[in-house]
Structure formats: structure tokens, C-alpha cells
Amino acid sequence: MRKTMLLVFVVLLAAAFAFAAPPPANNATWLNVTISNTPSTTSATGYTSGTGLTGYDVLGAHNNGGRGCAGCHAPHSGAAGGGGNAVTGGGTDNLSGSNALFGQDVSPLFGVTLTFALDGGIVENLPSQAAAYTTNTDELRGIMMCLACHDGAIAKGQMMNGVSWEQRMNLLPSSVYGPHGIPTLLGNDSGDGNVSGYGNDHPVGTNATFAAAGLVSTGNPATDPLKVTFDTNNGITAIAPQSAAYVQFALNYGYPAIAGTAWDWGFHVPNGATDVSTAFMTCTTCHNQHVMYIYKAPPYYGFGADHSMTGLAKIAGGTYPTYFFVNGPYNPGAGNNDPTKAASTTQFCRQCHFDTSNESLGVNSVQTQF
């Protein structure tokens, strides 16, 4: 699976913003299916489509009160380089800093079981230290590093007050959210009675798979919504819409979370897996931790051997508003006053929950309100 050391993530972030993906033609033909797409018009300074936040540092909440990048990535000596172990009662991760220069102590999370949903739902068994730093690095980088700050139960740190930064800064769209705080510490509540505190949180981990979402089945036959190629050495090498219905959805919205960011795919094949339907989602499937309120597609999207935009574009080019570090157009401020369009907040979820999409039900003309 392609990975880029986060030692240079700032450079990659700059690259992702420097390359604008070309918009698709108004009529595109792929898989012998002719489909039509008319991109939204420019409506806000800084955005190709939609209106959202402008003028703030894109790292937003993850500036960590001024510590900036070093709030997560300690340039030297791991957690010790950030002043020591920030986890009360936690152990010391003696490999801290050796992956992505991550400078927080993740040791309280080694071997922990997260159970999502009251009925047993989806269970994630976080890896041991030995596995996390060798065979299970996707879980380390995509789940454990996030929960080192966002868990709030066993790995509660000192840098968060537990309420959405955009909300505290009065940056959320007016009249959209209520007066109560939007939590940022997962596992910090009852979890609707769930023993792990994650019963009211979206599943992630090795059982939250393509197969569970119904996007790719064993053998990845031509009837699957997505076509995914991978090999045991490089992991996923390409992801593209496959069924005619998902092709249409890709034109009406895209599949940005599945395609990932400039440094990684959104789904990850387990170590040693031979069946791509077992590829699983992590926290960083839905969130780009480095960009809080702007979505701009990476310079490649999985089409063609060089990951170029060959054949079919995934999204109508340009830059889109988002909130909460969501990795894709996700704008609750856009409203939904046009019944001929679907809100981007809904479309984002339909990337995986495709059976609830317009296109899966044969309604192909509903585009996205960004």
C-alpha cells in the first residue's frame, strides 16, 4: 500500500493544493455507458462550488493551541520530545516517534477491544505494540494515532476540551446546530450502554470492510459497485467505479473518502490478505487530519497506471467546502432547499452506504448541492 512518511506531510499537503484536477466533460462515456454531468457554478471566493469558511489556517483545530505540527509529530525523540508522557496512568511506548514521527504515547491503546453498537455490531481488536509497528501499521496510523487524543476514555490526553473547535470559535453555519457542545472525545460517554463506550460511534477497523458496506464482494466480480486492484506487496493500487450506477454517482458527487488523500487510500488491505473485499476503513477514511475546512482532490485519483484522471473524473474539479476535517465535500451550511439536488452531507455518506443513493435506485439526474 502506498505510503509517504509524514515527515514530509507539509510538502505533500502543499502539492495537493497546487494541482487542480481537470473537470469532467459534460458528457462522459465509460463502461459503454453515456452519462451527463454539469458542474456547479462558482459561488464563493476560494471555492469552485459552494460557500464555506475562508481565511483561516487550514490546519484549524489541529494547530493544537499553537504547538502546530509538533502537537502530533515530534521532530525529535517521540513523546519525550513533546515533554513526556501526556497520558495519566499510561505506560511508555518505547517506539513512540518511530512511525510518522508521531509524538504521543499510544501505549494505553495496545490490545484494546472497541465494540461498536449495542447488538455486538462490529468489533475492532487494536493490535499489540509489536504488531502495530510492523504488520498492522494501518491500524496504528489510521486509528490508534487518532484515538491517542480523541479516545477520551483510556487514552485521555491534555490538549482537548472535548468540544468541536469550529463550534467554540463560532464558525459553524448559523441555525444548523443546537446549543449543546459537539463532543470530540469518543468513548467518553456511555456509548448508549456499550461496555467500550463506542456503541454510538461509527465503526472502524478490520471488520468495517468493503464487503460489510456492499461495495466489493469476494473475487470482486464485475457486478460490484467498485473495481479495486491490489497486490500483496503494494496493497491497493487502483480504485474505480465499476457498476453503471456507481459510475453515475461518481459523476454526481464522487468517492473522495474511498480514494483517500495524497498519501494514502481511504481503505486498507489487511496484512497478508488475498481478498480485496476485506479492505477496511479507519478514522482517516472519513477525515483528513491536516485540512479542516477545504476539500481539494489529490493530483491522482486511481484511474490509469499512474493514478491519473484518465477516463472519468470523480468530482467536478476544483475546491469544495467541508467541516470537521471531513475528507470530501461536506457542507451543512449549504442547506437543501432544492429538491432536485442532494446535500453534500448526505452524498458523503452514500459513498459507502450506496444502497441508499439515488443512483442505486435508478434516479440519475439528482446532482449535489455543495
Foldseek 3Di string as FASTA:
>chain_A
DFFDQLVCVVVQVVQQVVDWAAFDDQWFADPNDIDGFDADCCDDVQWRADDADDDDQQLQCCCLVVVHPCVFAQPDDAQVSVPHAQFVPFDALNCGLVGSNGRYGLRLQAQDKDAEAPVSHDIAGHHHSVCCVPQVVCCVVFASSLLCDQAQPRNHGDRDPFFDSCVVVVRAAPPLDDDDGDGRRAQNDCLVVDPSRNHPPDDFHQRQWLVVLQQADFVRDLQHQKDWDADLVGWTQAIDGRDPLSLLLLSQFFQQLQQAASGDGQWTDGHPDPTRRSTTGGNRSFFDSRGAWKEGHGQARGPDNVRHCPRGHRYRITMATDHGRTHGHAHSNLDDPDVLEAENNVSNVCSRNVCPDCSVVPNRRHHYRD
